[in-house]
């Protein structure tokens, strides 16, 4: 099932990946244009580290990642969520 979801993500975001070279001032750094796997990794980094910027610059890409990972990093900090879960699990 995960492979199917990833393949759908790849199909939906290939156009963004292919147009990266023309995006000089993008938050998605140039390294992401090497191959799709690097693009995916850089997008995931931005999804967690700079979610508002990613959503502003690439709203469809942000939505695809949000659906893929089943979370919205603009709503709250996922690191805080994991700390909260860890605190709950301790007690």
C-alpha atoms as a PDB file:
ATOM      1  CA  UNK A   1       0.000   0.000   0.000  1.00  0.00           C
ATOM      2  CA  UNK A   2       2.803   2.450   0.890  1.00  0.00           C
ATOM      3  CA  UNK A   3       4.472   1.836  -2.468  1.00  0.00           C
ATOM      4  CA  UNK A   4       1.232   2.742  -4.239  1.00  0.00           C
ATOM      5  CA  UNK A   5       0.902   5.944  -2.209  1.00  0.00           C
ATOM      6  CA  UNK A   6       4.508   6.892  -3.005  1.00  0.00           C
ATOM      7  CA  UNK A   7       4.001   6.211  -6.716  1.00  0.00           C
ATOM      8  CA  UNK A   8       0.913   8.421  -6.685  1.00  0.00           C
ATOM      9  CA  UNK A   9       2.877  11.144  -4.884  1.00  0.00           C
ATOM     10  CA  UNK A  10       5.616  10.860  -7.495  1.00  0.00           C
ATOM     11  CA  UNK A  11       3.123  11.110 -10.349  1.00  0.00           C
ATOM     12  CA  UNK A  12       1.439  14.132  -8.751  1.00  0.00           C
ATOM     13  CA  UNK A  13       4.674  16.018  -8.045  1.00  0.00           C
ATOM     14  CA  UNK A  14       6.832  15.205 -11.069  1.00  0.00           C
ATOM     15  CA  UNK A  15       5.986  18.514 -12.741  1.00  0.00           C
ATOM     16  CA  UNK A  16       7.297  20.462  -9.723  1.00  0.00           C
ATOM     17  CA  UNK A  17      10.464  18.348  -9.768  1.00  0.00           C
ATOM     18  CA  UNK A  18      10.999  18.901 -13.494  1.00  0.00           C
ATOM     19  CA  UNK A  19      10.601  22.681 -13.126  1.00  0.00           C
ATOM     20  CA  UNK A  20      13.067  23.058 -10.239  1.00  0.00           C
ATOM     21  CA  UNK A  21      15.869  24.328 -12.425  1.00  0.00           C
ATOM     22  CA  UNK A  22      13.801  27.379 -13.321  1.00  0.00           C
ATOM     23  CA  UNK A  23      13.102  28.116  -9.632  1.00  0.00           C
ATOM     24  CA  UNK A  24      16.210  30.111  -8.679  1.00  0.00           C
ATOM     25  CA  UNK A  25      14.977  31.595  -5.396  1.00  0.00           C
ATOM     26  CA  UNK A  26      13.029  28.573  -4.237  1.00  0.00           C
ATOM     27  CA  UNK A  27      13.062  27.229  -0.685  1.00  0.00           C
ATOM     28  CA  UNK A  28      13.706  23.846  -2.311  1.00  0.00           C
ATOM     29  CA  UNK A  29      17.464  23.927  -2.659  1.00  0.00           C
ATOM     30  CA  UNK A  30      19.239  23.135  -5.917  1.00  0.00           C
ATOM     31  CA  UNK A  31      20.452  19.743  -4.643  1.00  0.00           C
ATOM     32  CA  UNK A  32      16.882  18.479  -4.973  1.00  0.00           C
ATOM     33  CA  UNK A  33      17.132  18.643  -8.759  1.00  0.00           C
ATOM     34  CA  UNK A  34      19.706  15.805  -8.880  1.00  0.00           C
ATOM     35  CA  UNK A  35      17.057  13.066  -8.902  1.00  0.00           C
ATOM     36  CA  UNK A  36      13.576  12.411  -7.627  1.00  0.00           C
ATOM     37  CA  UNK A  37      14.771  10.709  -4.456  1.00  0.00           C
ATOM     38  CA  UNK A  38      16.760  13.816  -3.431  1.00  0.00           C
ATOM     39  CA  UNK A  39      13.772  15.968  -4.363  1.00  0.00           C
ATOM     40  CA  UNK A  40      11.591  13.834  -2.104  1.00  0.00           C
ATOM     41  CA  UNK A  41      14.073  14.073   0.790  1.00  0.00           C
ATOM     42  CA  UNK A  42      14.427  17.861   0.489  1.00  0.00           C
ATOM     43  CA  UNK A  43      10.652  18.299   0.297  1.00  0.00           C
ATOM     44  CA  UNK A  44      10.170  16.228   3.447  1.00  0.00           C
ATOM     45  CA  UNK A  45      12.832  18.303   5.227  1.00  0.00           C
ATOM     46  CA  UNK A  46      11.055  21.508   4.247  1.00  0.00           C
ATOM     47  CA  UNK A  47       7.695  20.049   5.251  1.00  0.00           C
ATOM     48  CA  UNK A  48       8.964  19.698   8.826  1.00  0.00           C
ATOM     49  CA  UNK A  49      11.468  22.531   9.080  1.00  0.00           C
ATOM     50  CA  UNK A  50       9.782  25.268   7.014  1.00  0.00           C
ATOM     51  CA  UNK A  51       6.143  24.240   6.560  1.00  0.00           C
ATOM     52  CA  UNK A  52       4.685  27.724   6.152  1.00  0.00           C
ATOM     53  CA  UNK A  53       7.221  28.671   3.489  1.00  0.00           C
ATOM     54  CA  UNK A  54       6.680  25.388   1.628  1.00  0.00           C
ATOM     55  CA  UNK A  55       2.921  25.824   1.741  1.00  0.00           C
ATOM     56  CA  UNK A  56       3.182  29.419   0.497  1.00  0.00           C
ATOM     57  CA  UNK A  57       5.537  28.636  -2.381  1.00  0.00           C
ATOM     58  CA  UNK A  58       4.236  25.200  -3.380  1.00  0.00           C
ATOM     59  CA  UNK A  59       0.711  24.718  -1.982  1.00  0.00           C
ATOM     60  CA  UNK A  60      -0.068  21.640  -4.077  1.00  0.00           C
ATOM     61  CA  UNK A  61       3.236  20.011  -3.138  1.00  0.00           C
ATOM     62  CA  UNK A  62       2.592  20.785   0.526  1.00  0.00           C
ATOM     63  CA  UNK A  63      -0.868  19.214   0.268  1.00  0.00           C
ATOM     64  CA  UNK A  64       0.554  16.101  -1.406  1.00  0.00           C
ATOM     65  CA  UNK A  65       3.089  15.629   1.405  1.00  0.00           C
ATOM     66  CA  UNK A  66       0.438  16.345   4.025  1.00  0.00           C
ATOM     67  CA  UNK A  67      -1.711  13.589   2.533  1.00  0.00           C
ATOM     68  CA  UNK A  68       1.242  11.212   2.154  1.00  0.00           C
ATOM     69  CA  UNK A  69       2.309  11.606   5.800  1.00  0.00           C
ATOM     70  CA  UNK A  70      -1.188  12.152   7.170  1.00  0.00           C
ATOM     71  CA  UNK A  71      -0.235  15.238   9.159  1.00  0.00           C
ATOM     72  CA  UNK A  72      -0.299  19.004   8.826  1.00  0.00           C
ATOM     73  CA  UNK A  73       2.876  20.631  10.103  1.00  0.00           C
ATOM     74  CA  UNK A  74       1.371  24.108   9.858  1.00  0.00           C
ATOM     75  CA  UNK A  75      -1.118  23.313  12.617  1.00  0.00           C
ATOM     76  CA  UNK A  76       1.404  22.483  15.314  1.00  0.00           C
ATOM     77  CA  UNK A  77       4.998  21.506  15.715  1.00  0.00           C
ATOM     78  CA  UNK A  78       5.349  17.714  15.229  1.00  0.00           C
ATOM     79  CA  UNK A  79       8.320  17.661  17.616  1.00  0.00           C
ATOM     80  CA  UNK A  80       6.077  19.057  20.330  1.00  0.00           C
ATOM     81  CA  UNK A  81       3.453  16.447  19.445  1.00  0.00           C
ATOM     82  CA  UNK A  82       5.995  13.630  19.832  1.00  0.00           C
ATOM     83  CA  UNK A  83       7.163  15.022  23.190  1.00  0.00           C
ATOM     84  CA  UNK A  84       3.555  15.137  24.333  1.00  0.00           C
ATOM     85  CA  UNK A  85       3.012  11.532  23.270  1.00  0.00           C
ATOM     86  CA  UNK A  86       6.219  10.483  25.062  1.00  0.00           C
ATOM     87  CA  UNK A  87       5.038  12.207  28.238  1.00  0.00           C
ATOM     88  CA  UNK A  88       1.705  10.420  28.044  1.00  0.00           C
ATOM     89  CA  UNK A  89       3.407   7.066  27.501  1.00  0.00           C
ATOM     90  CA  UNK A  90       5.621   7.567  30.558  1.00  0.00           C
ATOM     91  CA  UNK A  91       2.616   7.739  32.871  1.00  0.00           C
END
